[in-house]
PDB file of all heavy atoms in Angstrom:
ATOM      1  N   ARG A   1     100.747 125.819  91.268  1.00  0.00           N
ATOM      2  CA  ARG A   1     100.837 126.328  92.647  1.00  0.00           C
ATOM      3  C   ARG A   1      99.914 125.572  93.598  1.00  0.00           C
ATOM      4  O   ARG A   1      99.976 125.770  94.813  1.00  0.00           O
ATOM      5  CB  ARG A   1     100.490 127.821  92.678  1.00  0.00           C
ATOM      6  CG  ARG A   1     101.470 128.696  91.903  1.00  0.00           C
ATOM      7  CD  ARG A   1     100.949 130.100  91.762  1.00  0.00           C
ATOM      8  NE  ARG A   1      99.702 130.131  90.996  1.00  0.00           N
ATOM      9  CZ  ARG A   1      99.028 131.245  90.714  1.00  0.00           C
ATOM     10  NH1 ARG A   1      99.484 132.413  91.149  1.00  0.00           N
ATOM     11  NH2 ARG A   1      97.911 131.196  90.012  1.00  0.00           N
ATOM     12  N   LEU A   2      99.082 124.708  93.036  1.00  0.00           N
ATOM     13  CA  LEU A   2      98.128 123.925  93.836  1.00  0.00           C
ATOM     14  C   LEU A   2      98.216 122.462  93.396  1.00  0.00           C
ATOM     15  O   LEU A   2      97.246 121.870  92.941  1.00  0.00           O
ATOM     16  CB  LEU A   2      96.713 124.473  93.635  1.00  0.00           C
ATOM     17  CG  LEU A   2      95.634 124.022  94.637  1.00  0.00           C
ATOM     18  CD1 LEU A   2      95.971 124.512  96.037  1.00  0.00           C
ATOM     19  CD2 LEU A   2      94.269 124.510  94.213  1.00  0.00           C
ATOM     20  N   ALA A   3      99.426 121.922  93.513  1.00  0.00           N
ATOM     21  CA  ALA A   3      99.676 120.573  93.010  1.00  0.00           C
ATOM     22  C   ALA A   3     100.696 119.849  93.876  1.00  0.00           C
ATOM     23  O   ALA A   3     101.492 120.483  94.584  1.00  0.00           O
ATOM     24  CB  ALA A   3     100.168 120.637  91.568  1.00  0.00           C
ATOM     25  N   VAL A   4     100.654 118.525  93.795  1.00  0.00           N
ATOM     26  CA  VAL A   4     101.605 117.654  94.500  1.00  0.00           C
ATOM     27  C   VAL A   4     102.084 116.599  93.515  1.00  0.00           C
ATOM     28  O   VAL A   4     101.294 116.055  92.735  1.00  0.00           O
ATOM     29  CB  VAL A   4     100.944 116.976  95.723  1.00  0.00           C
ATOM     30  CG1 VAL A   4     101.919 116.003  96.395  1.00  0.00           C
ATOM     31  CG2 VAL A   4     100.452 118.015  96.725  1.00  0.00           C
ATOM     32  N   MET A   5     103.376 116.313  93.567  1.00  0.00           N
ATOM     33  CA  MET A   5     103.975 115.242  92.762  1.00  0.00           C
ATOM     34  C   MET A   5     104.163 114.014  93.633  1.00  0.00           C
ATOM     35  O   MET A   5     104.482 114.112  94.822  1.00  0.00           O
ATOM     36  CB  MET A   5     105.330 115.697  92.217  1.00  0.00           C
ATOM     37  CG  MET A   5     106.114 114.626  91.471  1.00  0.00           C
ATOM     38  SD  MET A   5     105.327 114.186  89.905  1.00  0.00           S
ATOM     39  CE  MET A   5     106.367 112.825  89.361  1.00  0.00           C
ATOM     40  N   VAL A   6     103.963 112.837  93.044  1.00  0.00           N
ATOM     41  CA  VAL A   6     104.215 111.573  93.736  1.00  0.00           C
ATOM     42  C   VAL A   6     105.147 110.741  92.869  1.00  0.00           C
ATOM     43  O   VAL A   6     104.887 110.546  91.674  1.00  0.00           O
ATOM     44  CB  VAL A   6     102.911 110.779  93.981  1.00  0.00           C
ATOM     45  CG1 VAL A   6     103.200 109.526  94.807  1.00  0.00           C
ATOM     46  CG2 VAL A   6     101.874 111.640  94.671  1.00  0.00           C
ATOM     47  N   GLY A   7     106.245 110.259  93.451  1.00  0.00           N
ATOM     48  CA  GLY A   7     107.201 109.470  92.677  1.00  0.00           C
ATOM     49  C   GLY A   7     108.022 108.554  93.539  1.00  0.00           C
ATOM     50  O   GLY A   7     107.842 108.510  94.764  1.00  0.00           O
ATOM     51  N   ASP A   8     108.926 107.842  92.881  1.00  0.00           N
ATOM     52  CA  ASP A   8     109.698 106.829  93.603  1.00  0.00           C
ATOM     53  C   ASP A   8     111.202 106.998  93.458  1.00  0.00           C
ATOM     54  O   ASP A   8     111.954 106.143  93.928  1.00  0.00           O
ATOM     55  CB  ASP A   8     109.314 105.421  93.110  1.00  0.00           C
ATOM     56  CG  ASP A   8     109.839 105.142  91.706  1.00  0.00           C
ATOM     57  OD1 ASP A   8     109.580 105.971  90.797  1.00  0.00           O
ATOM     58  OD2 ASP A   8     110.510 104.109  91.514  1.00  0.00           O
ATOM     59  N   SER A   9     111.657 108.061  92.801  1.00  0.00           N
ATOM     60  CA  SER A   9     113.088 108.144  92.479  1.00  0.00           C
ATOM     61  C   SER A   9     113.629 109.553  92.593  1.00  0.00           C
ATOM     62  O   SER A   9     112.881 110.527  92.746  1.00  0.00           O
ATOM     63  CB  SER A   9     113.314 107.648  91.044  1.00  0.00           C
ATOM     64  OG  SER A   9     112.789 108.600  90.122  1.00  0.00           O
ATOM     65  N   ASP A  10     114.945 109.652  92.473  1.00  0.00           N
ATOM     66  CA  ASP A  10     115.590 110.960  92.487  1.00  0.00           C
ATOM     67  C   ASP A  10     115.124 111.804  91.309  1.00  0.00           C
ATOM     68  O   ASP A  10     115.038 113.022  91.401  1.00  0.00           O
ATOM     69  CB  ASP A  10     117.112 110.807  92.463  1.00  0.00           C
ATOM     70  CG  ASP A  10     117.618 110.229  91.148  1.00  0.00           C
ATOM     71  OD1 ASP A  10     117.040 109.231  90.664  1.00  0.00           O
ATOM     72  OD2 ASP A  10     118.601 110.771  90.606  1.00  0.00           O
ATOM     73  N   VAL A  11     114.795 111.154  90.190  1.00  0.00           N
ATOM     74  CA  VAL A  11     114.306 111.881  89.021  1.00  0.00           C
ATOM     75  C   VAL A  11     113.019 112.621  89.364  1.00  0.00           C
ATOM     76  O   VAL A  11     112.866 113.811  89.057  1.00  0.00           O
ATOM     77  CB  VAL A  11     114.074 110.919  87.836  1.00  0.00           C
ATOM     78  CG1 VAL A  11     113.434 111.656  86.666  1.00  0.00           C
ATOM     79  CG2 VAL A  11     115.379 110.279  87.404  1.00  0.00           C
ATOM     80  N   ASP A  12     112.087 111.948  90.006  1.00  0.00           N
ATOM     81  CA  ASP A  12     110.816 112.560  90.378  1.00  0.00           C
ATOM     82  C   ASP A  12     111.016 113.669  91.398  1.00  0.00           C
ATOM     83  O   ASP A  12     110.411 114.749  91.296  1.00  0.00           O
ATOM     84  CB  ASP A  12     109.865 111.503  90.947  1.00  0.00           C
ATOM     85  CG  ASP A  12     109.557 110.408  89.958  1.00  0.00           C
ATOM     86  OD1 ASP A  12     109.241 110.727  88.797  1.00  0.00           O
ATOM     87  OD2 ASP A  12     109.636 109.228  90.331  1.00  0.00           O
ATOM     88  N   ILE A  13     111.855 113.423  92.369  1.00  0.00           N
ATOM     89  CA  ILE A  13     112.078 114.404  93.432  1.00  0.00           C
ATOM     90  C   ILE A  13     112.769 115.639  92.883  1.00  0.00           C
ATOM     91  O   ILE A  13     112.380 116.776  93.183  1.00  0.00           O
ATOM     92  CB  ILE A  13     112.867 113.764  94.586  1.00  0.00           C
ATOM     93  CG1 ILE A  13     112.019 112.674  95.255  1.00  0.00           C
ATOM     94  CG2 ILE A  13     113.290 114.817  95.609  1.00  0.00           C
ATOM     95  CD1 ILE A  13     112.773 111.780  96.205  1.00  0.00           C
ATOM     96  N   ARG A  14     113.788 115.449  92.032  1.00  0.00           N
ATOM     97  CA  ARG A  14     114.477 116.593  91.431  1.00  0.00           C
ATOM     98  C   ARG A  14     113.549 117.387  90.525  1.00  0.00           C
ATOM     99  O   ARG A  14     113.610 118.619  90.473  1.00  0.00           O
ATOM    100  CB  ARG A  14     115.711 116.122  90.650  1.00  0.00           C
ATOM    101  CG  ARG A  14     116.866 115.701  91.547  1.00  0.00           C
ATOM    102  CD  ARG A  14     118.142 115.486  90.765  1.00  0.00           C
ATOM    103  NE  ARG A  14     118.111 114.282  89.952  1.00  0.00           N
ATOM    104  CZ  ARG A  14     118.302 114.249  88.649  1.00  0.00           C
ATOM    105  NH1 ARG A  14     118.509 115.370  87.974  1.00  0.00           N
ATOM    106  NH2 ARG A  14     118.280 113.106  87.995  1.00  0.00           N
ATOM    107  N   THR A  15     112.694 116.690  89.802  1.00  0.00           N
ATOM    108  CA  THR A  15     111.746 117.362  88.917  1.00  0.00           C
ATOM    109  C   THR A  15     110.807 118.252  89.717  1.00  0.00           C
ATOM    110  O   THR A  15     110.588 119.424  89.376  1.00  0.00           O
ATOM    111  CB  THR A  15     110.919 116.325  88.132  1.00  0.00           C
ATOM    112  OG1 THR A  15     111.796 115.491  87.376  1.00  0.00           O
ATOM    113  CG2 THR A  15     109.953 117.018  87.186  1.00  0.00           C
ATOM    114  N   ALA A  16     110.229 117.701  90.766  1.00  0.00           N
ATOM    115  CA  ALA A  16     109.290 118.457  91.589  1.00  0.00           C
ATOM    116  C   ALA A  16     109.965 119.655  92.243  1.00  0.00           C
ATOM    117  O   ALA A  16     109.406 120.767  92.262  1.00  0.00           O
ATOM    118  CB  ALA A  16     108.677 117.543  92.647  1.00  0.00           C
ATOM    119  N   LYS A  17     111.158 119.459  92.774  1.00  0.00           N
ATOM    120  CA  LYS A  17     111.854 120.562  93.424  1.00  0.00           C
ATOM    121  C   LYS A  17     112.182 121.663  92.428  1.00  0.00           C
ATOM    122  O   LYS A  17     112.046 122.858  92.739  1.00  0.00           O
ATOM    123  CB  LYS A  17     113.125 120.042  94.099  1.00  0.00           C
ATOM    124  CG  LYS A  17     112.848 119.207  95.339  1.00  0.00           C
ATOM    125  CD  LYS A  17     114.113 118.877  96.089  1.00  0.00           C
ATOM    126  CE  LYS A  17     113.791 118.209  97.414  1.00  0.00           C
ATOM    127  NZ  LYS A  17     114.974 118.064  98.268  1.00  0.00           N
ATOM    128  N   ALA A  18     112.599 121.277  91.231  1.00  0.00           N
ATOM    129  CA  ALA A  18     112.911 122.277  90.208  1.00  0.00           C
ATOM    130  C   ALA A  18     111.672 123.054  89.797  1.00  0.00           C
ATOM    131  O   ALA A  18     111.757 124.229  89.406  1.00  0.00           O
ATOM    132  CB  ALA A  18     113.534 121.603  88.992  1.00  0.00           C
ATOM    133  N   ALA A  19     110.506 122.400  89.882  1.00  0.00           N
ATOM    134  CA  ALA A  19     109.238 123.050  89.526  1.00  0.00           C
ATOM    135  C   ALA A  19     108.627 123.815  90.697  1.00  0.00           C
ATOM    136  O   ALA A  19     107.616 124.496  90.521  1.00  0.00           O
ATOM    137  CB  ALA A  19     108.249 122.005  89.021  1.00  0.00           C
ATOM    138  N   GLY A  20     109.215 123.682  91.875  1.00  0.00           N
ATOM    139  CA  GLY A  20     108.668 124.339  93.050  1.00  0.00           C
ATOM    140  C   GLY A  20     107.385 123.704  93.549  1.00  0.00           C
ATOM    141  O   GLY A  20     106.527 124.383  94.128  1.00  0.00           O
ATOM    142  N   ILE A  21     107.272 122.399  93.345  1.00  0.00           N
ATOM    143  CA  ILE A  21     106.058 121.658  93.697  1.00  0.00           C
ATOM    144  C   ILE A  21     106.395 120.631  94.777  1.00  0.00           C
ATOM    145  O   ILE A  21     107.391 119.903  94.653  1.00  0.00           O
ATOM    146  CB  ILE A  21     105.485 120.962  92.444  1.00  0.00           C
ATOM    147  CG1 ILE A  21     104.965 122.022  91.462  1.00  0.00           C
ATOM    148  CG2 ILE A  21     104.381 119.965  92.800  1.00  0.00           C
ATOM    149  CD1 ILE A  21     104.608 121.487  90.106  1.00  0.00           C
ATOM    150  N   PRO A  22     105.612 120.554  95.857  1.00  0.00           N
ATOM    151  CA  PRO A  22     105.901 119.569  96.905  1.00  0.00           C
ATOM    152  C   PRO A  22     105.813 118.142  96.362  1.00  0.00           C
ATOM    153  O   PRO A  22     105.021 117.862  95.452  1.00  0.00           O
ATOM    154  CB  PRO A  22     104.835 119.838  97.968  1.00  0.00           C
ATOM    155  CG  PRO A  22     103.739 120.569  97.254  1.00  0.00           C
ATOM    156  CD  PRO A  22     104.406 121.356  96.170  1.00  0.00           C
ATOM    157  N   VAL A  23     106.608 117.261  96.959  1.00  0.00           N
ATOM    158  CA  VAL A  23     106.695 115.900  96.436  1.00  0.00           C
ATOM    159  C   VAL A  23     106.601 114.878  97.555  1.00  0.00           C
ATOM    160  O   VAL A  23     107.250 115.009  98.599  1.00  0.00           O
ATOM    161  CB  VAL A  23     107.996 115.702  95.622  1.00  0.00           C
ATOM    162  CG1 VAL A  23     109.234 116.033  96.435  1.00  0.00           C
ATOM    163  CG2 VAL A  23     108.078 114.297  95.047  1.00  0.00           C
ATOM    164  N   VAL A  24     105.769 113.871  97.318  1.00  0.00           N
ATOM    165  CA  VAL A  24     105.648 112.716  98.212  1.00  0.00           C
ATOM    166  C   VAL A  24     106.328 111.543  97.523  1.00  0.00           C
ATOM    167  O   VAL A  24     106.037 111.244  96.360  1.00  0.00           O
ATOM    168  CB  VAL A  24     104.175 112.373  98.500  1.00  0.00           C
ATOM    169  CG1 VAL A  24     104.079 111.103  99.351  1.00  0.00           C
ATOM    170  CG2 VAL A  24     103.475 113.536  99.192  1.00  0.00           C
ATOM    171  N   ALA A  25     107.236 110.891  98.223  1.00  0.00           N
ATOM    172  CA  ALA A  25     107.937 109.740  97.658  1.00  0.00           C
ATOM    173  C   ALA A  25     107.396 108.446  98.244  1.00  0.00           C
ATOM    174  O   ALA A  25     107.065 108.387  99.434  1.00  0.00           O
ATOM    175  CB  ALA A  25     109.438 109.841  97.935  1.00  0.00           C
ATOM    176  N   VAL A  26     107.302 107.425  97.402  1.00  0.00           N
ATOM    177  CA  VAL A  26     106.909 106.097  97.876  1.00  0.00           C
ATOM    178  C   VAL A  26     108.174 105.297  98.147  1.00  0.00           C
ATOM    179  O   VAL A  26     109.146 105.365  97.395  1.00  0.00           O
ATOM    180  CB  VAL A  26     106.004 105.379  96.851  1.00  0.00           C
ATOM    181  CG1 VAL A  26     104.748 106.187  96.586  1.00  0.00           C
ATOM    182  CG2 VAL A  26     106.737 105.109  95.542  1.00  0.00           C
ATOM    183  N   SER A  27     108.158 104.542  99.221  1.00  0.00           N
ATOM    184  CA  SER A  27     109.356 103.803  99.629  1.00  0.00           C
ATOM    185  C   SER A  27     109.503 102.463  98.921  1.00  0.00           C
ATOM    186  O   SER A  27     110.542 101.819  99.014  1.00  0.00           O
ATOM    187  CB  SER A  27     109.321 103.560 101.143  1.00  0.00           C
ATOM    188  OG  SER A  27     108.223 102.717 101.491  1.00  0.00           O
ATOM    189  N   PHE A  28     108.440 102.032  98.203  1.00  0.00           N
ATOM    190  CA  PHE A  28     108.418 100.682  97.632  1.00  0.00           C
ATOM    191  C   PHE A  28     108.754 100.651  96.141  1.00  0.00           C
ATOM    192  O   PHE A  28     108.561  99.643  95.480  1.00  0.00           O
ATOM    193  CB  PHE A  28     107.033 100.065  97.853  1.00  0.00           C
ATOM    194  CG  PHE A  28     105.887 100.989  97.543  1.00  0.00           C
ATOM    195  CD1 PHE A  28     105.490 101.231  96.235  1.00  0.00           C
ATOM    196  CD2 PHE A  28     105.219 101.647  98.573  1.00  0.00           C
ATOM    197  CE1 PHE A  28     104.442 102.096  95.952  1.00  0.00           C
ATOM    198  CE2 PHE A  28     104.161 102.514  98.300  1.00  0.00           C
ATOM    199  CZ  PHE A  28     103.779 102.736  96.979  1.00  0.00           C
ATOM    200  N   GLY A  29     109.264 101.749  95.604  1.00  0.00           N
ATOM    201  CA  GLY A  29     109.545 101.813  94.175  1.00  0.00           C
ATOM    202  C   GLY A  29     110.931 101.336  93.794  1.00  0.00           C
ATOM    203  O   GLY A  29     111.490 100.451  94.445  1.00  0.00           O
ATOM    204  N   TYR A  30     111.497 101.966  92.764  1.00  0.00           N
ATOM    205  CA  TYR A  30     112.706 101.442  92.133  1.00  0.00           C
ATOM    206  C   TYR A  30     113.948 102.289  92.365  1.00  0.00           C
ATOM    207  O   TYR A  30     114.910 102.230  91.594  1.00  0.00           O
ATOM    208  CB  TYR A  30     112.478 101.308  90.623  1.00  0.00           C
ATOM    209  CG  TYR A  30     111.293 100.452  90.244  1.00  0.00           C
ATOM    210  CD1 TYR A  30     110.627 100.647  89.043  1.00  0.00           C
ATOM    211  CD2 TYR A  30     110.823  99.432  91.081  1.00  0.00           C
ATOM    212  CE1 TYR A  30     109.543  99.873  88.678  1.00  0.00           C
ATOM    213  CE2 TYR A  30     109.741  98.661  90.735  1.00  0.00           C
ATOM    214  CZ  TYR A  30     109.093  98.884  89.534  1.00  0.00           C
ATOM    215  OH  TYR A  30     108.015  98.116  89.172  1.00  0.00           O
ATOM    216  N   SER A  31     113.944 103.099  93.404  1.00  0.00           N
ATOM    217  CA  SER A  31     115.101 103.942  93.673  1.00  0.00           C
ATOM    218  C   SER A  31     116.315 103.102  94.063  1.00  0.00           C
ATOM    219  O   SER A  31     116.203 102.130  94.811  1.00  0.00           O
ATOM    220  CB  SER A  31     114.785 104.921  94.809  1.00  0.00           C
ATOM    221  OG  SER A  31     115.913 105.709  95.116  1.00  0.00           O
ATOM    222  N   ALA A  32     117.484 103.521  93.560  1.00  0.00           N
ATOM    223  CA  ALA A  32     118.721 102.808  93.877  1.00  0.00           C
ATOM    224  C   ALA A  32     119.159 103.066  95.317  1.00  0.00           C
ATOM    225  O   ALA A  32     119.932 102.290  95.878  1.00  0.00           O
ATOM    226  CB  ALA A  32     119.827 103.230  92.912  1.00  0.00           C
ATOM    227  N   VAL A  33     118.675 104.150  95.898  1.00  0.00           N
ATOM    228  CA  VAL A  33     118.970 104.475  97.296  1.00  0.00           C
ATOM    229  C   VAL A  33     117.649 104.754  97.995  1.00  0.00           C
ATOM    230  O   VAL A  33     116.621 104.963  97.359  1.00  0.00           O
ATOM    231  CB  VAL A  33     119.905 105.695  97.415  1.00  0.00           C
ATOM    232  CG1 VAL A  33     121.237 105.424  96.727  1.00  0.00           C
ATOM    233  CG2 VAL A  33     119.247 106.939  96.825  1.00  0.00           C
ATOM    234  N   SER A  34     117.677 104.794  99.305  1.00  0.00           N
ATOM    235  CA  SER A  34     116.463 105.088 100.057  1.00  0.00           C
ATOM    236  C   SER A  34     115.951 106.478  99.687  1.00  0.00           C
ATOM    237  O   SER A  34     116.710 107.462  99.725  1.00  0.00           O
ATOM    238  CB  SER A  34     116.732 105.025 101.561  1.00  0.00           C
ATOM    239  OG  SER A  34     115.615 105.514 102.287  1.00  0.00           O
ATOM    240  N   VAL A  35     114.671 106.561  99.340  1.00  0.00           N
ATOM    241  CA  VAL A  35     114.119 107.866  98.983  1.00  0.00           C
ATOM    242  C   VAL A  35     114.146 108.825 100.165  1.00  0.00           C
ATOM    243  O   VAL A  35     114.111 110.051  99.975  1.00  0.00           O
ATOM    244  CB  VAL A  35     112.673 107.749  98.437  1.00  0.00           C
ATOM    245  CG1 VAL A  35     112.664 107.096  97.077  1.00  0.00           C
ATOM    246  CG2 VAL A  35     111.766 107.015  99.426  1.00  0.00           C
ATOM    247  N   ARG A  36     114.251 108.309 101.360  1.00  0.00           N
ATOM    248  CA  ARG A  36     114.324 109.168 102.546  1.00  0.00           C
ATOM    249  C   ARG A  36     115.596 110.005 102.547  1.00  0.00           C
ATOM    250  O   ARG A  36     115.661 111.038 103.227  1.00  0.00           O
ATOM    251  CB  ARG A  36     114.234 108.321 103.814  1.00  0.00           C
ATOM    252  CG  ARG A  36     112.844 107.737 104.051  1.00  0.00           C
ATOM    253  CD  ARG A  36     112.751 106.896 105.312  1.00  0.00           C
ATOM    254  NE  ARG A  36     111.359 106.606 105.649  1.00  0.00           N
ATOM    255  CZ  ARG A  36     110.655 105.622 105.117  1.00  0.00           C
ATOM    256  NH1 ARG A  36     111.220 104.820 104.211  1.00  0.00           N
ATOM    257  NH2 ARG A  36     109.392 105.444 105.465  1.00  0.00           N
ATOM    258  N   ASN A  37     116.605 109.568 101.801  1.00  0.00           N
ATOM    259  CA  ASN A  37     117.861 110.312 101.711  1.00  0.00           C
ATOM    260  C   ASN A  37     117.866 111.330 100.580  1.00  0.00           C
ATOM    261  O   ASN A  37     118.871 112.011 100.369  1.00  0.00           O
ATOM    262  CB  ASN A  37     119.028 109.341 101.505  1.00  0.00           C
ATOM    263  CG  ASN A  37     119.213 108.387 102.668  1.00  0.00           C
ATOM    264  OD1 ASN A  37     118.904 108.729 103.812  1.00  0.00           O
ATOM    265  ND2 ASN A  37     119.713 107.194 102.391  1.00  0.00           N
ATOM    266  N   LEU A  38     116.760 111.423  99.843  1.00  0.00           N
ATOM    267  CA  LEU A  38     116.711 112.288  98.663  1.00  0.00           C
ATOM    268  C   LEU A  38     115.941 113.579  98.889  1.00  0.00           C
ATOM    269  O   LEU A  38     115.803 114.381  97.966  1.00  0.00           O
ATOM    270  CB  LEU A  38     116.108 111.514  97.479  1.00  0.00           C
ATOM    271  CG  LEU A  38     116.872 110.254  97.062  1.00  0.00           C
ATOM    272  CD1 LEU A  38     116.111 109.517  95.957  1.00  0.00           C
ATOM    273  CD2 LEU A  38     118.284 110.612  96.596  1.00  0.00           C
ATOM    274  N   GLY A  39     115.444 113.782 100.106  1.00  0.00           N
ATOM    275  CA  GLY A  39     114.836 115.044 100.461  1.00  0.00           C
ATOM    276  C   GLY A  39     113.425 115.316  99.998  1.00  0.00           C
ATOM    277  O   GLY A  39     113.071 116.475  99.753  1.00  0.00           O
ATOM    278  N   PRO A  40     112.557 114.298  99.876  1.00  0.00           N
ATOM    279  CA  PRO A  40     111.157 114.593  99.550  1.00  0.00           C
ATOM    280  C   PRO A  40     110.465 115.256 100.738  1.00  0.00           C
ATOM    281  O   PRO A  40     110.982 115.240 101.856  1.00  0.00           O
ATOM    282  CB  PRO A  40     110.565 113.211  99.275  1.00  0.00           C
ATOM    283  CG  PRO A  40     111.360 112.297 100.161  1.00  0.00           C
ATOM    284  CD  PRO A  40     112.760 112.854 100.139  1.00  0.00           C
ATOM    285  N   ASP A  41     109.297 115.820 100.484  1.00  0.00           N
ATOM    286  CA  ASP A  41     108.558 116.451 101.580  1.00  0.00           C
ATOM    287  C   ASP A  41     107.940 115.426 102.522  1.00  0.00           C
ATOM    288  O   ASP A  41     107.791 115.691 103.721  1.00  0.00           O
ATOM    289  CB  ASP A  41     107.464 117.357 100.994  1.00  0.00           C
ATOM    290  CG  ASP A  41     108.050 118.519 100.219  1.00  0.00           C
ATOM    291  OD1 ASP A  41     108.510 119.480 100.847  1.00  0.00           O
ATOM    292  OD2 ASP A  41     108.083 118.437  98.981  1.00  0.00           O
ATOM    293  N   ARG A  42     107.553 114.284 101.976  1.00  0.00           N
ATOM    294  CA  ARG A  42     107.018 113.182 102.767  1.00  0.00           C
ATOM    295  C   ARG A  42     107.410 111.871 102.100  1.00  0.00           C
ATOM    296  O   ARG A  42     107.648 111.821 100.896  1.00  0.00           O
ATOM    297  CB  ARG A  42     105.481 113.220 102.854  1.00  0.00           C
ATOM    298  CG  ARG A  42     104.896 114.358 103.662  1.00  0.00           C
ATOM    299  CD  ARG A  42     105.054 114.143 105.170  1.00  0.00           C
ATOM    300  NE  ARG A  42     104.223 115.075 105.928  1.00  0.00           N
ATOM    301  CZ  ARG A  42     104.516 116.362 106.115  1.00  0.00           C
ATOM    302  NH1 ARG A  42     105.604 116.872 105.570  1.00  0.00           N
ATOM    303  NH2 ARG A  42     103.709 117.136 106.846  1.00  0.00           N
TER     304      ARG A  42
END
């Protein structure tokens, strides 16, 4: 309940959302699509 996830892909974002944990995505990673289209918190 006092944590943040940081990742670069839909896998990371889906994991965090399923866990109810806010997620920050990095734009310079290995995502096949723009992480901005995957709904991270930042």
